[in-house]
Amino acid sequence: MIYKKQYGHPFDTESVVGTFLPAMETIPHLTKEPDGFSYAMDSQDILYGLGENIRGINKRGWVYESKCSDDPNHTESKSSLYGAYNFMIVSGKDTFGFFIDYPGKVTFDCGYTDLDTLRVTVAEENYDLYIIEGESLTDIVHQFRHLVGRSYIPPKWAFGNTQSRWSYMNEDAVREVVANYRSSNMPLDAVVLDIDYMERYKDFTVDEERFPHFADFTAEMKAQGIRLVPIIDAGVKIEDGYDVYEEGVKNGYFCTNQDGTPFVAGVWPGRVHFPDMLNPEARAWFGSKYKILLNQGIEGFWNDMNEPAIFYSEETLKKTEERLDLINHLKTKYGDTIEKIQAYCEEKKQRFAVLENYEGYLAERKSRFAACKKQLQKEAENLTVIRKEAAQRFTEQVKQALMDLNFLDVQFDMEFDRLPHFTASGYDEAQFLISTNPGQPVRPLMEVASGGELSRIMLAIKTVLADSDDIPTLIFDEIDTGISGRTAQKVSEKLSYIAKSHQVICITHLPQIAAMADTHFEICKAASEGSTATSIRRLDREQTVEELARLLGGAKITDAVIQNAREMKELADKTK
């Protein structure tokens, strides 16, 4: 069942050809809003419709604009494509369809702003609303098709693969495309000819230089199972001697301005008139022109309506030029782009608002500053407490790690001083204090420790932090400086421990440390022909033993030294 409700004084779009019940007093299902309608949806309701559009079949969760836009980038973030189909079906607790017969902009907010609300906004209240109720979704669709008329069913070949681009400049370009499809074993049923097949973009003409034997070429393609589909634009070129233009002007078949003169716009051919497709005589006349191409073997057309792609109209061109002059003037003063001009304007608006109430602005800023400072003071104090508690645990762990590295009687501590200003880390300034000799007071680390001691101290710190820091690779260069014997062994064990959670790279000359490594590389320098080259090679286990023997034995490597190196490596493997 179809119901109708009229609002205002609708423009007759000639969309509706079927019959329906008398006008509704009140509309079912939908709630009337000042600028359209709304519908309270259940969570399981599905929204179908809006024709060829972006996203999925269920339209819930997005905003769609029906306005015949011509944005070529058809991404999921867009709100509309070229067509406008103001038909929707709600399927769920209630199942019904509705159609808005209106040629202007209609917005369908399908639960985007409000998850459970369908909101339809119509640009102006001059339209017809149709409510369609049926036994099923299929029944509703059938009723709608009877209302607006059955669609033309294309020929079978039109459902196949079609190649389209802008543009094929001549017959050979089309032949090349067809040949490439065939050689690639790809199916092809039609090739679309964009505007360049025409003579200077004039409808119902063929460029005789680019397509000199159009009828023969059409037959040639058809013999290969290929249909040519030429474009026909709605814009008719204004040109004396062009029969389509002269006939349209003579018979009043073109859209007019309010004063009755033909409307002039700029599209691909330049200055054009548009056929008045709401005039039945104009439709019949324009449709008769297709015979020119039908008689040359053409079986299908791409009808391209240029309204969204109008480059200019003479009525608005002057206003546009004046606006461009103003924009260019603003660019010379306030920025070389629109974005910069707008940013400058916004900046000055904000500055003006401040100056209008400067005393209030200053008082608000002072108050805000005092509040922020108070909060920052509180957070810094809390951070100091946390930091000192963590420092106590940390220094005890580092002290133990240092003792493991053969610092026999070591003291390690942290000292905190308050800075006169805040930093991103609070207001604390911390430094490490250490004493490595019995009876000596702790002093700043940089004043006490030697080079070898600094290496071991850093190793101790890294050992403590091994499980908490996020540094993937640690490099220790000459950590063996100033150590040997048992101390070197302790250092190697700590390095092995750290290597369980980090990649450790160590440059060393001590066999105790080298033996503990999982992988060995030998780095050599060699002079040849006046230049020095550095090489690196990975050692296998036997080569590693030989290198350890070299570090242990010096100039002469005896069997005893080799055996000692092998035992050292085996012992290291057991220790890890």
Protein backbone atom coordinates (compact mmCIF):
# COMPACT_ATOMS: atom_id res chain seq x y z
CA MET A 1 0.00 0.00 0.00
CA ILE A 2 1.32 3.46 -0.95
CA TYR A 3 0.42 6.66 0.89
CA LYS A 4 1.23 10.22 -0.14
CA LYS A 5 1.72 13.43 1.80
CA GLN A 6 2.47 16.75 0.09
CA TYR A 7 4.43 19.58 1.68
CA GLY A 8 4.48 23.11 0.27
CA HIS A 9 4.45 23.49 -3.47
CA PRO A 10 6.56 20.70 -4.96
CA PHE A 11 8.32 20.96 -8.29
CA ASP A 12 7.06 18.29 -10.68
CA THR A 13 10.08 16.09 -11.33
CA GLU A 14 8.00 13.62 -13.36
CA SER A 15 9.53 10.84 -11.26
CA VAL A 16 6.20 9.31 -10.23
CA VAL A 17 4.13 7.51 -12.85
CA GLY A 18 2.11 5.09 -10.72
CA THR A 19 -1.00 5.43 -8.60
CA PHE A 20 -1.40 5.66 -4.86
CA LEU A 21 -3.98 6.20 -2.15
CA PRO A 22 -5.35 9.64 -1.33
CA ALA A 23 -3.20 11.99 0.66
CA MET A 24 -2.40 11.09 4.26
CA GLU A 25 -3.69 13.21 7.11
CA THR A 26 -0.81 12.05 9.32
CA ILE A 27 2.22 10.06 8.25
CA PRO A 28 2.79 6.59 9.78
CA HIS A 29 6.12 5.36 11.18
CA LEU A 30 8.03 8.65 10.71
CA THR A 31 8.00 11.61 13.10
CA LYS A 32 7.73 15.02 11.42
CA GLU A 33 10.54 17.44 12.23
CA PRO A 34 10.77 21.14 11.28
CA ASP A 35 13.27 20.33 8.51
CA GLY A 36 12.32 16.74 7.69
CA PHE A 37 11.64 13.48 9.55
CA SER A 38 13.05 11.17 12.20
CA TYR A 39 12.61 7.53 13.12
CA ALA A 40 13.53 5.80 16.39
CA MET A 41 15.38 2.59 15.43
CA ASP A 42 15.83 -0.64 17.33
CA SER A 43 19.33 -2.09 17.52
CA GLN A 44 18.40 -4.79 14.97
CA ASP A 45 16.82 -2.47 12.40
CA ILE A 46 18.43 -2.51 8.94
CA LEU A 47 18.36 0.40 6.47
CA TYR A 48 18.37 -0.40 2.76
CA GLY A 49 18.32 1.90 -0.24
CA LEU A 50 19.83 5.16 -1.55
CA GLY A 51 20.79 3.46 -4.82
CA GLU A 52 24.39 3.18 -6.00
CA ASN A 53 26.36 4.58 -3.10
CA ILE A 54 29.36 4.16 -0.85
CA ARG A 55 29.86 1.64 1.97
CA GLY A 56 27.73 -1.47 2.50
CA ILE A 57 24.18 -2.62 1.85
CA ASN A 58 23.09 -1.71 5.39
CA LYS A 59 23.30 2.08 5.50
CA ARG A 60 23.32 2.40 9.31
CA GLY A 61 26.17 4.29 10.87
CA TRP A 62 26.85 6.94 8.22
CA VAL A 63 25.55 10.21 6.75
CA TYR A 64 24.49 10.25 3.09
CA GLU A 65 23.76 13.36 1.00
CA SER A 66 21.51 13.07 -2.03
CA LYS A 67 22.51 16.03 -4.21
CA CYS A 68 24.16 14.76 -7.42
CA SER A 69 27.70 15.73 -6.46
CA ASP A 70 30.55 14.95 -8.84
CA ASP A 71 33.46 14.08 -6.55
CA PRO A 72 35.70 11.67 -8.52
CA ASN A 73 37.33 10.19 -5.41
CA HIS A 74 34.83 7.56 -4.31
CA THR A 75 36.23 6.73 -0.87
CA GLU A 76 34.34 5.45 2.16
CA SER A 77 34.67 8.83 3.87
CA LYS A 78 32.51 10.57 1.26
CA SER A 79 28.84 11.31 1.83
CA SER A 80 27.56 10.96 -1.72
CA LEU A 81 28.28 9.87 -5.25
CA TYR A 82 26.94 11.30 -8.49
CA GLY A 83 23.38 9.94 -8.33
CA ALA A 84 20.48 10.90 -6.08
CA TYR A 85 18.08 8.12 -5.01
CA ASN A 86 15.74 9.27 -2.25
CA PHE A 87 14.26 5.82 -1.57
CA MET A 88 14.88 3.87 1.65
CA ILE A 89 13.48 0.74 3.34
CA VAL A 90 13.46 0.24 7.10
CA SER A 91 13.49 -3.46 8.01
CA GLY A 92 13.03 -4.51 11.64
CA LYS A 93 10.36 -3.87 14.28
CA ASP A 94 8.53 -2.00 11.51
CA THR A 95 9.09 -2.74 7.85
CA PHE A 96 8.24 0.02 5.40
CA GLY A 97 9.67 2.10 2.62
CA PHE A 98 9.59 5.82 1.96
CA PHE A 99 10.36 7.96 -1.07
CA ILE A 100 10.98 11.73 -1.10
CA ASP A 101 10.22 13.29 -4.47
CA TYR A 102 12.40 16.37 -4.35
CA PRO A 103 15.10 17.62 -6.78
CA GLY A 104 17.24 19.38 -4.17
CA LYS A 105 19.51 18.25 -1.36
CA VAL A 106 18.28 15.55 1.03
CA THR A 107 20.47 14.33 3.93
CA PHE A 108 20.06 10.87 5.47
CA ASP A 109 21.69 10.63 8.91
CA CYS A 110 21.44 6.86 9.41
CA GLY A 111 22.35 6.63 13.08
CA TYR A 112 25.64 8.54 12.72
CA THR A 113 24.92 11.51 14.99
CA ASP A 114 22.52 9.56 17.22
CA LEU A 115 23.13 5.81 17.16
CA ASP A 116 19.43 4.88 17.36
CA THR A 117 17.89 7.65 15.27
CA LEU A 118 17.33 7.90 11.52
CA ARG A 119 17.06 11.58 10.66
CA VAL A 120 16.12 12.82 7.18
CA THR A 121 16.67 16.50 6.40
CA VAL A 122 15.16 18.16 3.30
CA ALA A 123 16.63 21.46 2.12
CA GLU A 124 13.21 23.14 1.72
CA GLU A 125 9.63 22.10 2.45
CA ASN A 126 8.43 21.71 -1.12
CA TYR A 127 8.24 17.98 -1.79
CA ASP A 128 6.06 14.88 -1.91
CA LEU A 129 6.50 12.12 0.66
CA TYR A 130 5.44 8.54 -0.16
CA ILE A 131 5.11 5.82 2.49
CA ILE A 132 5.11 2.24 1.15
CA GLU A 133 3.86 -0.68 3.27
CA GLY A 134 3.98 -4.28 2.09
CA GLU A 135 4.07 -7.91 3.11
CA SER A 136 7.83 -8.21 2.53
CA LEU A 137 10.90 -6.31 1.39
CA THR A 138 10.35 -7.66 -2.13
CA ASP A 139 6.75 -6.49 -2.11
CA ILE A 140 7.81 -2.98 -1.06
CA VAL A 141 10.39 -2.85 -3.86
CA HIS A 142 7.79 -4.02 -6.41
CA GLN A 143 5.36 -1.31 -5.31
CA PHE A 144 8.09 1.32 -5.52
CA ARG A 145 9.01 0.26 -9.07
CA HIS A 146 5.37 0.55 -10.11
CA LEU A 147 5.33 4.01 -8.54
CA VAL A 148 8.36 5.35 -10.44
CA GLY A 149 8.18 3.08 -13.51
CA ARG A 150 10.14 0.00 -14.49
CA SER A 151 13.81 0.36 -15.27
CA TYR A 152 15.23 -0.21 -18.74
CA ILE A 153 16.99 -3.57 -18.89
CA PRO A 154 20.32 -3.33 -20.75
CA PRO A 155 21.30 -5.84 -23.41
CA LYS A 156 23.20 -8.96 -22.38
CA TRP A 157 26.60 -7.62 -23.50
CA ALA A 158 26.22 -4.60 -21.20
CA PHE A 159 26.49 -6.93 -18.18
CA GLY A 160 29.98 -7.99 -19.28
CA ASN A 161 33.40 -6.36 -18.80
CA THR A 162 33.70 -2.76 -19.98
CA GLN A 163 36.90 -0.74 -20.41
CA SER A 164 36.62 3.00 -19.76
CA ARG A 165 39.09 5.84 -19.39
CA TRP A 166 39.69 9.40 -20.47
CA SER A 167 40.37 9.14 -23.36
CA TYR A 168 41.09 7.14 -26.53
CA MET A 169 42.33 9.63 -29.09
CA ASN A 170 41.91 7.52 -32.25
CA GLU A 171 40.93 4.13 -33.67
CA ASP A 172 44.40 2.64 -33.20
CA ALA A 173 44.34 3.46 -29.47
CA VAL A 174 41.14 1.45 -29.13
CA ARG A 175 42.57 -1.42 -31.18
CA GLU A 176 45.61 -1.52 -28.91
CA VAL A 177 43.44 -1.81 -25.80
CA VAL A 178 41.41 -4.64 -27.32
CA ALA A 179 44.58 -6.45 -28.46
CA ASN A 180 46.09 -6.19 -24.95
CA TYR A 181 42.96 -7.69 -23.42
CA ARG A 182 43.00 -10.56 -25.89
CA SER A 183 46.73 -11.27 -25.47
CA SER A 184 46.26 -11.30 -21.67
CA ASN A 185 43.29 -13.71 -21.97
CA MET A 186 41.02 -11.18 -20.26
CA PRO A 187 37.33 -10.93 -21.21
CA LEU A 188 36.16 -7.68 -22.80
CA ASP A 189 32.68 -6.83 -24.08
CA ALA A 190 32.67 -3.05 -24.52
CA VAL A 191 34.95 -0.03 -24.79
CA VAL A 192 33.70 3.40 -23.74
CA LEU A 193 34.62 6.36 -25.96
CA ASP A 194 35.03 9.55 -23.98
CA ILE A 195 34.58 13.05 -25.39
CA ASP A 196 37.61 12.99 -27.69
CA TYR A 197 35.87 10.87 -30.33
CA MET A 198 33.71 13.93 -31.09
CA GLU A 199 34.47 16.84 -33.38
CA ARG A 200 35.51 19.53 -30.89
CA TYR A 201 33.29 17.98 -28.20
CA LYS A 202 30.05 18.50 -30.13
CA ASP A 203 27.28 16.01 -29.41
CA PHE A 204 26.29 13.62 -32.23
CA THR A 205 29.45 14.28 -34.24
CA VAL A 206 32.54 12.14 -34.96
CA ASP A 207 36.03 13.52 -35.53
CA GLU A 208 36.84 12.34 -39.07
CA GLU A 209 40.61 12.65 -38.57
CA ARG A 210 40.70 10.49 -35.44
CA PHE A 211 37.89 8.11 -36.46
CA PRO A 212 37.76 8.44 -40.27
CA HIS A 213 35.59 5.36 -40.91
CA PHE A 214 33.45 5.19 -37.80
CA ALA A 215 30.78 2.82 -39.14
CA ASP A 216 33.42 0.42 -40.46
CA PHE A 217 35.34 0.67 -37.19
CA THR A 218 32.18 -0.10 -35.20
CA ALA A 219 31.59 -3.19 -37.38
CA GLU A 220 35.24 -4.23 -36.97
CA MET A 221 34.95 -4.12 -33.20
CA LYS A 222 31.59 -5.90 -33.19
CA ALA A 223 33.11 -8.72 -35.25
CA GLN A 224 35.51 -9.22 -32.32
CA GLY A 225 32.63 -9.21 -29.81
CA ILE A 226 33.32 -5.61 -28.75
CA ARG A 227 30.65 -2.87 -28.57
CA LEU A 228 31.68 0.77 -28.70
CA VAL A 229 29.86 2.97 -26.18
CA PRO A 230 30.27 6.68 -27.01
CA ILE A 231 29.57 9.43 -24.49
CA ILE A 232 26.85 12.01 -25.03
CA ASP A 233 27.10 15.18 -22.95
CA ALA A 234 24.09 17.26 -21.98
CA GLY A 235 25.89 20.46 -22.95
CA VAL A 236 25.31 21.52 -26.57
CA LYS A 237 28.11 23.69 -27.97
CA ILE A 238 27.10 27.22 -28.97
CA GLU A 239 28.33 27.43 -32.56
CA ASP A 240 26.77 28.91 -35.66
CA GLY A 241 26.23 26.26 -38.32
CA TYR A 242 26.02 23.44 -35.78
CA ASP A 243 22.61 21.91 -36.50
CA VAL A 244 21.89 20.62 -32.97
CA TYR A 245 22.55 24.06 -31.51
CA GLU A 246 20.56 25.95 -34.14
CA GLU A 247 17.55 23.62 -33.93
CA GLY A 248 17.49 23.82 -30.14
CA VAL A 249 17.56 27.63 -30.15
CA LYS A 250 14.95 27.88 -32.91
CA ASN A 251 12.45 25.62 -31.12
CA GLY A 252 13.10 26.75 -27.54
CA TYR A 253 14.45 23.39 -26.40
CA PHE A 254 17.14 24.75 -24.06
CA CYS A 255 17.01 25.71 -20.38
CA THR A 256 16.45 29.44 -19.94
CA ASN A 257 17.20 32.21 -17.48
CA GLN A 258 14.41 34.06 -15.69
CA ASP A 259 14.25 36.55 -18.57
CA GLY A 260 13.63 33.76 -21.08
CA THR A 261 17.09 33.83 -22.69
CA PRO A 262 18.96 30.52 -23.02
CA PHE A 263 21.11 29.68 -19.99
CA VAL A 264 24.82 29.75 -20.87
CA ALA A 265 27.42 27.69 -19.04
CA GLY A 266 30.99 26.58 -19.66
CA VAL A 267 31.75 22.86 -19.95
CA TRP A 268 34.12 20.81 -22.17
CA PRO A 269 33.09 22.32 -25.52
CA GLY A 270 33.29 25.84 -24.10
CA ARG A 271 30.06 27.89 -24.00
CA VAL A 272 27.03 25.57 -24.06
CA HIS A 273 23.25 25.39 -23.67
CA PHE A 274 21.51 22.58 -21.80
CA PRO A 275 18.47 20.78 -23.25
CA ASP A 276 15.38 21.23 -21.07
CA MET A 277 14.74 17.59 -20.14
CA LEU A 278 11.51 18.53 -18.35
CA ASN A 279 10.09 19.60 -21.72
CA PRO A 280 8.63 16.48 -23.44
CA GLU A 281 9.18 17.96 -26.89
CA ALA A 282 12.81 18.77 -26.04
CA ARG A 283 13.34 15.21 -24.78
CA ALA A 284 11.91 13.74 -27.98
CA TRP A 285 14.01 16.07 -30.13
CA PHE A 286 17.25 15.36 -28.29
CA GLY A 287 16.51 11.63 -28.28
CA SER A 288 16.01 11.63 -32.06
CA LYS A 289 19.62 12.79 -32.52
CA TYR A 290 20.93 9.43 -31.28
CA LYS A 291 19.97 7.97 -34.66
CA ILE A 292 23.09 9.63 -36.11
CA LEU A 293 25.23 7.17 -34.14
CA LEU A 294 22.75 4.29 -34.13
CA ASN A 295 22.89 4.30 -37.94
CA GLN A 296 26.67 3.76 -37.65
CA GLY A 297 26.28 0.56 -35.65
CA ILE A 298 26.32 1.95 -32.10
CA GLU A 299 24.14 -0.05 -29.66
CA GLY A 300 24.69 1.72 -26.37
CA PHE A 301 25.52 5.16 -24.98
CA TRP A 302 27.06 6.74 -21.93
CA ASN A 303 24.77 9.67 -21.08
CA ASP A 304 26.78 12.11 -18.99
CA MET A 305 24.84 14.94 -17.35
CA ASN A 306 27.20 17.87 -16.92
CA GLU A 307 25.29 19.91 -14.36
CA PRO A 308 27.59 19.14 -11.40
CA ALA A 309 30.67 19.79 -13.55
CA ILE A 310 29.73 23.22 -14.89
CA PHE A 311 32.93 25.18 -15.13
CA TYR A 312 31.13 28.51 -15.10
CA SER A 313 27.92 30.34 -16.00
CA GLU A 314 28.01 33.81 -17.45
CA GLU A 315 25.64 35.05 -14.74
CA THR A 316 28.01 34.00 -11.99
CA LEU A 317 31.29 34.54 -13.82
CA LYS A 318 31.36 38.27 -13.01
CA LYS A 319 30.68 37.64 -9.32
CA THR A 320 33.35 34.95 -9.31
CA GLU A 321 35.89 37.28 -10.88
CA GLU A 322 35.08 39.99 -8.32
CA ARG A 323 35.51 37.47 -5.51
CA LEU A 324 38.80 36.25 -6.97
CA ASP A 325 40.03 39.84 -7.16
CA LEU A 326 39.18 40.28 -3.49
CA ILE A 327 40.92 37.01 -2.56
CA ASN A 328 44.04 37.94 -4.54
CA HIS A 329 44.10 41.31 -2.80
CA LEU A 330 43.87 39.60 0.58
CA LYS A 331 46.66 37.22 -0.42
CA THR A 332 49.03 40.14 -1.04
CA LYS A 333 48.42 41.41 2.51
CA TYR A 334 47.71 38.42 4.73
CA GLY A 335 49.13 35.25 3.17
CA ASP A 336 49.59 33.45 -0.13
CA THR A 337 46.91 30.79 0.49
CA ILE A 338 43.27 30.77 1.59
CA GLU A 339 44.23 28.71 4.63
CA LYS A 340 46.78 31.33 5.71
CA ILE A 341 44.26 34.14 5.25
CA GLN A 342 41.68 32.28 7.33
CA ALA A 343 44.27 31.52 9.99
CA TYR A 344 45.29 35.20 10.08
CA CYS A 345 41.65 36.23 10.40
CA GLU A 346 41.03 33.79 13.24
CA GLU A 347 44.20 34.96 15.00
CA LYS A 348 43.10 38.60 14.82
CA LYS A 349 39.60 37.74 16.01
CA GLN A 350 41.05 36.09 19.08
CA ARG A 351 43.44 38.99 19.65
CA PHE A 352 40.60 41.50 19.34
CA ALA A 353 38.52 39.56 21.86
CA VAL A 354 41.45 39.69 24.29
CA LEU A 355 41.99 43.43 23.85
CA GLU A 356 38.29 44.15 24.33
CA ASN A 357 38.50 42.77 27.87
CA TYR A 358 42.22 42.87 28.60
CA GLU A 359 41.90 43.36 32.37
CA GLY A 360 39.62 40.38 32.66
CA TYR A 361 41.90 38.36 30.34
CA LEU A 362 44.98 39.24 32.46
CA ALA A 363 43.21 38.38 35.72
CA GLU A 364 42.04 35.05 34.30
CA ARG A 365 45.57 34.21 33.11
CA LYS A 366 47.09 35.08 36.51
CA SER A 367 44.51 32.97 38.28
CA ARG A 368 45.08 30.09 35.90
CA PHE A 369 48.86 30.42 36.29
CA ALA A 370 48.59 30.34 40.09
CA ALA A 371 46.35 27.26 39.97
CA CYS A 372 48.68 25.48 37.55
CA LYS A 373 51.72 26.35 39.66
CA LYS A 374 50.02 25.04 42.77
CA GLN A 375 49.12 21.79 41.02
CA LEU A 376 52.62 21.49 39.59
CA GLN A 377 54.10 22.03 43.07
CA LYS A 378 51.93 19.25 44.43
CA GLU A 379 52.87 16.84 41.64
CA ALA A 380 56.59 17.67 42.01
CA GLU A 381 56.44 16.99 45.77
CA ASN A 382 54.75 13.65 45.14
CA LEU A 383 57.38 12.84 42.52
CA THR A 384 60.19 13.65 44.98
CA VAL A 385 58.73 11.27 47.58
CA ILE A 386 58.40 8.50 44.98
CA ARG A 387 61.87 9.18 43.61
CA LYS A 388 63.55 9.02 47.06
CA GLU A 389 61.75 5.77 47.94
CA ALA A 390 62.87 4.25 44.63
CA ALA A 391 66.41 5.61 45.10
CA GLN A 392 66.77 3.80 48.41
CA ARG A 393 65.90 0.46 46.82
CA PHE A 394 67.99 1.23 43.75
CA THR A 395 71.16 2.18 45.61
CA GLU A 396 70.99 -0.98 47.73
CA GLN A 397 70.70 -3.09 44.58
CA VAL A 398 73.56 -1.24 42.88
CA LYS A 399 75.73 -1.61 45.99
CA GLN A 400 75.16 -5.38 45.94
CA ALA A 401 75.93 -5.50 42.22
CA LEU A 402 79.17 -3.58 42.83
CA MET A 403 80.21 -6.03 45.52
CA ASP A 404 79.55 -8.83 43.02
CA LEU A 405 81.97 -7.04 40.71
CA ASN A 406 84.76 -7.22 43.34
CA PHE A 407 84.27 -3.85 45.02
CA LEU A 408 85.10 -5.26 48.42
CA ASP A 409 84.03 -2.38 50.66
CA VAL A 410 81.89 0.06 48.69
CA GLN A 411 79.32 2.66 49.64
CA PHE A 412 76.79 3.88 47.06
CA ASP A 413 74.11 6.51 47.55
CA MET A 414 72.06 9.20 45.81
CA GLU A 415 71.84 12.86 46.79
CA PHE A 416 68.91 15.14 45.91
CA ASP A 417 68.95 18.93 45.65
CA ARG A 418 66.00 21.14 44.79
CA LEU A 419 66.31 23.25 41.68
CA PRO A 420 65.10 26.87 41.73
CA HIS A 421 62.73 26.04 38.83
CA PHE A 422 60.51 23.26 37.54
CA THR A 423 61.51 20.84 34.79
CA ALA A 424 59.68 18.11 32.93
CA SER A 425 61.01 15.74 35.64
CA GLY A 426 59.96 17.83 38.63
CA TYR A 427 62.29 20.07 40.62
CA ASP A 428 64.89 17.49 41.77
CA GLU A 429 68.56 17.43 40.78
CA ALA A 430 70.10 14.07 41.59
CA GLN A 431 73.66 12.76 41.57
CA PHE A 432 75.35 9.47 42.48
CA LEU A 433 77.70 9.34 45.50
CA ILE A 434 80.28 6.59 46.01
CA SER A 435 83.17 5.53 48.21
CA THR A 436 85.37 2.63 47.10
CA ASN A 437 87.82 2.72 50.01
CA PRO A 438 87.12 1.93 53.68
CA GLY A 439 86.97 5.00 55.91
CA GLN A 440 86.48 7.44 53.02
CA PRO A 441 83.28 9.49 52.86
CA VAL A 442 80.99 9.22 49.84
CA ARG A 443 81.68 11.78 47.16
CA PRO A 444 80.20 12.56 43.72
CA LEU A 445 80.86 9.75 41.30
CA MET A 446 82.59 11.97 38.76
CA GLU A 447 85.15 13.08 41.38
CA VAL A 448 86.11 9.64 42.72
CA ALA A 449 85.89 6.82 40.21
CA SER A 450 88.67 5.91 37.79
CA GLY A 451 88.07 4.85 34.17
CA GLY A 452 88.03 1.14 35.00
CA GLU A 453 85.80 1.72 38.00
CA LEU A 454 83.35 3.79 35.94
CA SER A 455 82.96 0.89 33.52
CA ARG A 456 82.16 -1.53 36.31
CA ILE A 457 79.83 0.94 38.03
CA MET A 458 77.91 1.42 34.77
CA LEU A 459 77.75 -2.36 34.37
CA ALA A 460 76.33 -2.66 37.89
CA ILE A 461 73.67 -0.04 37.15
CA LYS A 462 72.72 -1.73 33.89
CA THR A 463 72.48 -5.06 35.70
CA VAL A 464 69.98 -3.58 38.16
CA LEU A 465 67.95 -1.95 35.36
CA ALA A 466 68.12 -4.93 33.00
CA ASP A 467 64.53 -5.97 33.67
CA SER A 468 62.96 -2.51 33.54
CA ASP A 469 64.59 -0.39 30.82
CA ASP A 470 63.60 -0.61 27.16
CA ILE A 471 67.05 -0.23 25.59
CA PRO A 472 67.42 -3.20 23.21
CA THR A 473 71.19 -3.06 22.71
CA LEU A 474 74.03 -2.20 25.12
CA ILE A 475 77.60 -1.56 23.92
CA PHE A 476 80.57 -1.82 26.33
CA ASP A 477 83.84 -0.56 24.84
CA GLU A 478 86.99 -1.64 26.70
CA ILE A 479 85.12 -2.47 29.91
CA ASP A 480 88.21 -4.50 30.88
CA THR A 481 90.30 -1.36 31.49
CA GLY A 482 92.17 -1.64 34.77
CA ILE A 483 90.82 -5.06 35.78
CA SER A 484 92.04 -8.65 35.64
CA GLY A 485 91.76 -12.01 37.34
CA ARG A 486 88.75 -12.54 39.62
CA THR A 487 87.37 -9.08 38.89
CA ALA A 488 87.39 -9.78 35.18
CA GLN A 489 85.52 -13.03 35.82
CA LYS A 490 82.87 -11.20 37.85
CA VAL A 491 82.45 -8.64 35.07
CA SER A 492 81.98 -11.37 32.48
CA GLU A 493 79.27 -13.04 34.60
CA LYS A 494 77.37 -9.73 34.92
CA LEU A 495 77.58 -9.19 31.18
CA SER A 496 76.18 -12.68 30.63
CA TYR A 497 73.29 -11.91 32.99
CA ILE A 498 72.39 -8.71 31.15
CA ALA A 499 72.53 -10.58 27.84
CA LYS A 500 69.52 -12.65 28.90
CA SER A 501 67.25 -9.60 28.30
CA HIS A 502 69.37 -7.34 26.04
CA GLN A 503 71.70 -7.61 23.12
CA VAL A 504 75.18 -6.92 24.53
CA ILE A 505 78.09 -5.92 22.31
CA CYS A 506 81.45 -5.87 24.10
CA ILE A 507 84.88 -4.91 22.77
CA THR A 508 87.50 -6.57 25.00
CA HIS A 509 91.04 -7.87 25.23
CA LEU A 510 90.49 -10.01 28.32
CA PRO A 511 90.05 -13.77 27.76
CA GLN A 512 87.77 -14.07 30.84
CA ILE A 513 85.25 -11.70 29.26
CA ALA A 514 85.66 -12.97 25.70
CA ALA A 515 85.10 -16.58 26.78
CA MET A 516 81.64 -15.74 28.18
CA ALA A 517 80.33 -14.44 24.82
CA ASP A 518 77.71 -16.33 22.77
CA THR A 519 79.09 -15.11 19.45
CA HIS A 520 82.64 -13.98 18.64
CA PHE A 521 83.88 -11.59 15.97
CA GLU A 522 87.53 -10.80 15.20
CA ILE A 523 88.31 -7.24 14.11
CA CYS A 524 91.63 -6.73 12.33
CA LYS A 525 93.47 -3.80 10.79
CA ALA A 526 95.90 -4.37 7.92
CA ALA A 527 98.08 -1.98 5.92
CA SER A 528 98.47 -2.59 2.21
CA GLU A 529 99.84 -0.38 -0.56
CA GLY A 530 99.78 2.77 1.55
CA SER A 531 96.26 2.34 2.95
CA THR A 532 94.72 0.74 6.03
CA ALA A 533 91.68 -1.50 5.93
CA THR A 534 89.60 -2.86 8.80
CA SER A 535 87.97 -6.27 8.48
CA ILE A 536 85.59 -8.25 10.66
CA ARG A 537 84.83 -11.97 10.61
CA ARG A 538 82.69 -14.28 12.68
CA LEU A 539 84.58 -17.03 14.52
CA ASP A 540 83.43 -20.59 14.94
CA ARG A 541 84.06 -22.42 18.21
CA GLU A 542 87.51 -23.74 17.29
CA GLN A 543 88.59 -20.31 16.04
CA THR A 544 87.25 -18.81 19.28
CA VAL A 545 89.46 -21.20 21.29
CA GLU A 546 92.47 -20.20 19.19
CA GLU A 547 91.77 -16.50 19.77
CA LEU A 548 91.40 -17.07 23.53
CA ALA A 549 94.75 -18.86 23.47
CA ARG A 550 96.31 -15.87 21.72
CA LEU A 551 94.98 -13.58 24.47
CA LEU A 552 96.30 -15.95 27.16
CA GLY A 553 99.66 -16.92 25.68
CA GLY A 554 101.11 -13.96 23.94
CA ALA A 555 103.75 -14.48 21.22
CA LYS A 556 104.03 -18.30 21.44
CA ILE A 557 100.94 -20.50 21.61
CA THR A 558 101.71 -23.87 23.17
CA ASP A 559 99.49 -26.90 23.48
CA ALA A 560 99.14 -26.09 27.17
CA VAL A 561 97.83 -22.63 26.33
CA ILE A 562 95.39 -24.13 23.81
CA GLN A 563 94.15 -26.56 26.44
CA ASN A 564 93.83 -23.76 28.96
CA ALA A 565 91.75 -21.71 26.47
CA ARG A 566 89.50 -24.69 25.74
CA GLU A 567 88.90 -25.28 29.43
CA MET A 568 88.17 -21.58 29.92
CA LYS A 569 85.54 -21.66 27.14
CA GLU A 570 83.95 -24.86 28.51
CA LEU A 571 83.85 -23.39 32.01
CA ALA A 572 82.21 -20.23 30.65
CA ASP A 573 79.54 -22.28 28.87
CA LYS A 574 78.72 -24.06 32.13
CA THR A 575 78.57 -20.79 34.03
CA LYS A 576 76.03 -19.11 31.69
